[in-house]
Amino acid sequence: MKLKGRNKVSPEFSMSSMTDIVFLLLVFFMLTSNSPNALDLLLPKAKGKSTNTQNVSVSINKDLDIYVDNVKVKPEFVETELKRRLKDVEKPTIILRAEKSVPIDNAVNIMDIANQNNYKVILAVRPK
């Protein structure tokens, strides 16, 4: 009487499925990464996280007055004032503080100045 089975179990492991998963993850992360043409805009968390990389603060109040480090500046001189203050800084960063009622165009003008001069912009928010 023959009790031995005909089918043998192979202890080999195929890596092809693992390779497929790693490749798909690589493609996914490449597609979701930031594009170099976008504005370099860093939004802090609403829990009130602070940063120590502040170089210059730009504030816009409800009357559309622009302040660079608490000094009132005319809108046409904002870019020259920022260039003057950030000329010797290795990684220039601007903290943009705009009141809730300020039109988005005014904030975008400051972000455009920062983008043209390769400055980073951090948009200040109020903690919840």
C-alpha atoms as a PDB file:
ATOM      1  CA  MET A   1       0.000   0.000   0.000  1.00  0.00           C
ATOM      2  CA  LYS A   2       1.426   3.380  -1.106  1.00  0.00           C
ATOM      3  CA  LEU A   3       0.599   6.220   1.395  1.00  0.00           C
ATOM      4  CA  LYS A   4       3.031   8.844   0.113  1.00  0.00           C
ATOM      5  CA  GLY A   5       1.380  11.792  -1.736  1.00  0.00           C
ATOM      6  CA  ARG A   6       2.237  12.734  -5.267  1.00  0.00           C
ATOM      7  CA  ASN A   7       2.231  16.536  -4.755  1.00  0.00           C
ATOM      8  CA  LYS A   8       5.383  18.113  -3.313  1.00  0.00           C
ATOM      9  CA  VAL A   9       5.295  21.455  -1.464  1.00  0.00           C
ATOM     10  CA  SER A  10       7.857  23.958  -2.775  1.00  0.00           C
ATOM     11  CA  PRO A  11       9.510  26.101  -0.041  1.00  0.00           C
ATOM     12  CA  GLU A  12      10.563  28.791  -2.582  1.00  0.00           C
ATOM     13  CA  PHE A  13       9.271  32.373  -2.260  1.00  0.00           C
ATOM     14  CA  SER A  14       8.463  34.527  -5.266  1.00  0.00           C
ATOM     15  CA  MET A  15       9.545  38.181  -4.967  1.00  0.00           C
ATOM     16  CA  SER A  16       7.621  39.361  -8.031  1.00  0.00           C
ATOM     17  CA  SER A  17       4.523  40.421  -6.077  1.00  0.00           C
ATOM     18  CA  MET A  18       6.628  42.342  -3.537  1.00  0.00           C
ATOM     19  CA  THR A  19       8.487  44.068  -6.373  1.00  0.00           C
ATOM     20  CA  ASP A  20       5.193  45.106  -7.944  1.00  0.00           C
ATOM     21  CA  ILE A  21       3.983  46.654  -4.689  1.00  0.00           C
ATOM     22  CA  VAL A  22       7.219  48.622  -4.193  1.00  0.00           C
ATOM     23  CA  PHE A  23       7.092  49.875  -7.780  1.00  0.00           C
ATOM     24  CA  LEU A  24       3.477  51.042  -7.405  1.00  0.00           C
ATOM     25  CA  LEU A  25       4.347  52.869  -4.167  1.00  0.00           C
ATOM     26  CA  LEU A  26       7.260  54.570  -5.900  1.00  0.00           C
ATOM     27  CA  VAL A  27       5.007  55.763  -8.736  1.00  0.00           C
ATOM     28  CA  PHE A  28       2.378  56.964  -6.243  1.00  0.00           C
ATOM     29  CA  PHE A  29       4.865  59.034  -4.224  1.00  0.00           C
ATOM     30  CA  MET A  30       6.390  60.543  -7.353  1.00  0.00           C
ATOM     31  CA  LEU A  31       2.964  61.656  -8.572  1.00  0.00           C
ATOM     32  CA  THR A  32       1.945  63.187  -5.243  1.00  0.00           C
ATOM     33  CA  SER A  33       5.183  65.064  -4.560  1.00  0.00           C
ATOM     34  CA  ASN A  34       5.284  68.857  -4.947  1.00  0.00           C
ATOM     35  CA  SER A  35       6.014  70.275  -8.359  1.00  0.00           C
ATOM     36  CA  PRO A  36       8.902  72.774  -8.589  1.00  0.00           C
ATOM     37  CA  ASN A  37       6.695  75.373 -10.334  1.00  0.00           C
ATOM     38  CA  ALA A  38       4.339  75.811  -7.366  1.00  0.00           C
ATOM     39  CA  LEU A  39       4.638  78.517  -4.734  1.00  0.00           C
ATOM     40  CA  ASP A  40       6.673  77.439  -1.771  1.00  0.00           C
ATOM     41  CA  LEU A  41       3.944  78.079   0.768  1.00  0.00           C
ATOM     42  CA  LEU A  42       4.177  76.575   4.223  1.00  0.00           C
ATOM     43  CA  LEU A  43       0.997  76.534   6.266  1.00  0.00           C
ATOM     44  CA  PRO A  44       1.454  76.048  10.001  1.00  0.00           C
ATOM     45  CA  LYS A  45      -0.905  73.789  11.921  1.00  0.00           C
ATOM     46  CA  ALA A  46      -3.845  75.423  13.635  1.00  0.00           C
ATOM     47  CA  LYS A  47      -2.674  74.114  17.033  1.00  0.00           C
ATOM     48  CA  GLY A  48      -0.335  77.109  17.271  1.00  0.00           C
ATOM     49  CA  LYS A  49       2.943  75.499  16.208  1.00  0.00           C
ATOM     50  CA  SER A  50       5.668  78.138  16.065  1.00  0.00           C
ATOM     51  CA  THR A  51       8.786  78.352  13.963  1.00  0.00           C
ATOM     52  CA  ASN A  52      12.202  79.890  14.560  1.00  0.00           C
ATOM     53  CA  THR A  53      12.963  80.604  10.910  1.00  0.00           C
ATOM     54  CA  GLN A  54      11.315  84.039  10.838  1.00  0.00           C
ATOM     55  CA  ASN A  55      13.372  86.642   9.021  1.00  0.00           C
ATOM     56  CA  VAL A  56      10.773  89.271   8.085  1.00  0.00           C
ATOM     57  CA  SER A  57       7.148  89.716   9.045  1.00  0.00           C
ATOM     58  CA  VAL A  58       4.690  91.268   6.567  1.00  0.00           C
ATOM     59  CA  SER A  59       1.336  92.297   8.027  1.00  0.00           C
ATOM     60  CA  ILE A  60      -1.758  93.536   6.190  1.00  0.00           C
ATOM     61  CA  ASN A  61      -4.567  95.047   8.260  1.00  0.00           C
ATOM     62  CA  LYS A  62      -8.241  95.596   7.391  1.00  0.00           C
ATOM     63  CA  ASP A  63      -7.453  99.102   6.052  1.00  0.00           C
ATOM     64  CA  LEU A  64      -5.025  97.446   3.565  1.00  0.00           C
ATOM     65  CA  ASP A  65      -2.010  99.072   5.217  1.00  0.00           C
ATOM     66  CA  ILE A  66       1.155  96.976   4.762  1.00  0.00           C
ATOM     67  CA  TYR A  67       3.722  96.709   7.556  1.00  0.00           C
ATOM     68  CA  VAL A  68       7.166  95.146   7.192  1.00  0.00           C
ATOM     69  CA  ASP A  69       8.387  94.320  10.711  1.00  0.00           C
ATOM     70  CA  ASN A  70       5.928  96.845  12.242  1.00  0.00           C
ATOM     71  CA  VAL A  71       7.079  99.651   9.899  1.00  0.00           C
ATOM     72  CA  LYS A  72       4.387 100.976   7.549  1.00  0.00           C
ATOM     73  CA  VAL A  73       5.434 100.631   3.894  1.00  0.00           C
ATOM     74  CA  LYS A  74       3.679 101.854   0.742  1.00  0.00           C
ATOM     75  CA  PRO A  75       2.569  98.962  -1.517  1.00  0.00           C
ATOM     76  CA  GLU A  76       4.909 100.010  -4.342  1.00  0.00           C
ATOM     77  CA  PHE A  77       7.956  99.855  -2.035  1.00  0.00           C
ATOM     78  CA  VAL A  78       7.256  96.469  -0.403  1.00  0.00           C
ATOM     79  CA  GLU A  79       9.512  94.526  -2.793  1.00  0.00           C
ATOM     80  CA  THR A  80      12.479  96.883  -2.376  1.00  0.00           C
ATOM     81  CA  GLU A  81      12.081  96.852   1.409  1.00  0.00           C
ATOM     82  CA  LEU A  82      11.996  93.030   1.473  1.00  0.00           C
ATOM     83  CA  LYS A  83      15.072  92.830  -0.777  1.00  0.00           C
ATOM     84  CA  ARG A  84      16.920  95.254   1.498  1.00  0.00           C
ATOM     85  CA  ARG A  85      16.091  93.301   4.664  1.00  0.00           C
ATOM     86  CA  LEU A  86      16.722  89.821   3.213  1.00  0.00           C
ATOM     87  CA  LYS A  87      19.796  90.445   1.039  1.00  0.00           C
ATOM     88  CA  ASP A  88      22.303  88.794   3.415  1.00  0.00           C
ATOM     89  CA  VAL A  89      20.032  86.005   4.698  1.00  0.00           C
ATOM     90  CA  GLU A  90      20.902  82.428   3.718  1.00  0.00           C
ATOM     91  CA  LYS A  91      17.343  81.030   3.697  1.00  0.00           C
ATOM     92  CA  PRO A  92      15.028  84.056   3.489  1.00  0.00           C
ATOM     93  CA  THR A  93      11.584  83.502   4.974  1.00  0.00           C
ATOM     94  CA  ILE A  94       8.579  85.798   5.180  1.00  0.00           C
ATOM     95  CA  ILE A  95       5.758  85.358   7.679  1.00  0.00           C
ATOM     96  CA  LEU A  96       2.587  86.735   6.101  1.00  0.00           C
ATOM     97  CA  ARG A  97      -0.040  87.959   8.565  1.00  0.00           C
ATOM     98  CA  ALA A  98      -3.236  89.071   6.849  1.00  0.00           C
ATOM     99  CA  GLU A  99      -6.463  89.866   8.671  1.00  0.00           C
ATOM    100  CA  LYS A 100      -9.509  87.777   7.843  1.00  0.00           C
ATOM    101  CA  SER A 101     -11.258  90.617   5.983  1.00  0.00           C
ATOM    102  CA  VAL A 102      -8.304  91.399   3.669  1.00  0.00           C
ATOM    103  CA  PRO A 103      -9.025  90.512   0.008  1.00  0.00           C
ATOM    104  CA  ILE A 104      -7.009  87.564  -1.235  1.00  0.00           C
ATOM    105  CA  ASP A 105      -5.446  89.706  -3.994  1.00  0.00           C
ATOM    106  CA  ASN A 106      -3.420  91.655  -1.443  1.00  0.00           C
ATOM    107  CA  ALA A 107      -1.989  88.491   0.099  1.00  0.00           C
ATOM    108  CA  VAL A 108      -1.279  87.020  -3.343  1.00  0.00           C
ATOM    109  CA  ASN A 109       0.719  90.144  -4.271  1.00  0.00           C
ATOM    110  CA  ILE A 110       3.064  89.498  -1.331  1.00  0.00           C
ATOM    111  CA  MET A 111       3.312  85.798  -2.257  1.00  0.00           C
ATOM    112  CA  ASP A 112       4.124  86.761  -5.856  1.00  0.00           C
ATOM    113  CA  ILE A 113       6.947  89.045  -4.684  1.00  0.00           C
ATOM    114  CA  ALA A 114       8.286  86.183  -2.559  1.00  0.00           C
ATOM    115  CA  ASN A 115       8.052  83.715  -5.449  1.00  0.00           C
ATOM    116  CA  GLN A 116       9.914  86.038  -7.843  1.00  0.00           C
ATOM    117  CA  ASN A 117      12.753  86.473  -5.328  1.00  0.00           C
ATOM    118  CA  ASN A 118      12.872  82.816  -4.129  1.00  0.00           C
ATOM    119  CA  TYR A 119      11.717  83.605  -0.590  1.00  0.00           C
ATOM    120  CA  LYS A 120       9.750  81.103   1.463  1.00  0.00           C
ATOM    121  CA  VAL A 121       6.351  82.239   2.721  1.00  0.00           C
ATOM    122  CA  ILE A 122       4.675  81.094   5.918  1.00  0.00           C
ATOM    123  CA  LEU A 123       1.034  82.059   6.244  1.00  0.00           C
ATOM    124  CA  ALA A 124       0.257  82.829   9.884  1.00  0.00           C
ATOM    125  CA  VAL A 125      -3.044  81.460  11.191  1.00  0.00           C
ATOM    126  CA  ARG A 126      -4.968  81.813  14.391  1.00  0.00           C
ATOM    127  CA  PRO A 127      -5.074  78.745  16.664  1.00  0.00           C
ATOM    128  CA  LYS A 128      -8.489  77.099  16.982  1.00  0.00           C
END
